[in-house]
């Protein structure tokens, strides 16, 4: 059996934009922050963007068809390799929405997420999607309290559903649900079984967000020794490890990662698209810039944030208003000399700009000097240090806006200029009197 490769499942040259054409080319310029593990896929992975599936489970989410199409097109323009949609079995509207998006002719491949059930699978095939993501719970707690089936039933049902999907000529991924609370022997036996059936990917899911990066790495490496197909990771953020777990998965051989815009989803959601991109950019900037339209990220996040009635968090990866803001004096001086001293990401690569805050008691004179030069004010270093002391004094009373600081700088400059002019005039007058005498 031919072993499916990641690149076999991606749009080929001629099917997409310039960004997507680069996806089948590995650009090997890793940074010191990239893993050296021979299994690592940090420069050869794909994103399965699930805002229109997992994201619909977010507490505030309600997407009309028009909004779904708008989000799908925005994510497609950004360059994600896959879009995952809500199961057509969820409702009549979900079925029609799935058909509508599948008919758009986007560069991204269109997937839908279904239960391991023949009825769900047949309904999904009708919509014209490019692939089905099949899932069934495998942990003892889900087998007892969710679907009530044993592992033999799961094995048999997986064979039936996978065989049917493959006969329809579309991609198929088979995933366990609650993988990290499932019995490892059961899990590996199931994955080996579906791999032999010819699935494109097997999936591991940290459904309750309980896994750690070390546990993820161990499971992915173990699984890599059992299956020859691609591996997909789905990580929830209940305990704050989603991005770390996704990175650990890719570093250990995982080929596909599920994300949503701003991480929205069930409970605390899953891996945020922007956060995952930031992490992978730190490993290999050139590869990430070749894959995705990074400057479109802010627009995509604003679109989704508006659709679900939330604001982009102040500390959001890359696009939060504090992401490239520097305040402490020693930081500001170094940033002005060389931005890489305190920035691992280049804001300009994402269409962002850095901001050096100086209207506070922590400000340093080098940062103030930079602002003086931006305003074309004529002050020497001693004068800049003097006006910096004034800014600190005022900032001890209340925070100073940039407008407040600029006013202080201009007033100080005018004061110095007037004193100099007055002194110069006096000297000239005295010199003229001496000459007359």
Foldseek 3Di string as FASTA:
>chain_A
DDFFDLLVLFQDPPLADQLRNCLVPFDPDWDPLADPPPQFCLRHFAEAEECQAQVCQFPLFDDQLVLVLVLLVLVLQQFGQEYEHEQCVPDVRSLVSLLVNLPPSGNHFYEYEDELDQVSLVSNVVSNGQEYEYEDEAAPVCCVPPVVDHLVVVLVSLLVSLLVRVVSVHAYEYEYECQVRHDLVSVLVSLLSVLVVPHQEYEYENNQQPDALVVLLVSLLVSVVRHSHAYEYWHACPPHCQLVNVNSNNGNNHHYYYEYDLQRGNPSHHHHPLSNLVSSCLTPVVSSLSNGQLLSNVVSNVSVCVNSVHDQDCCHRLPRVCNQEAEAAVLLLVCVVPVVVPDSDDNVSNVGDHHYDLQALRHDLSNQVVVCVVVVFDDDSVLSRVLSVVSNVVRVVPGADPVRSVVSSVVSSVVVVVVVVVVVVVVVVVVVVVVVD
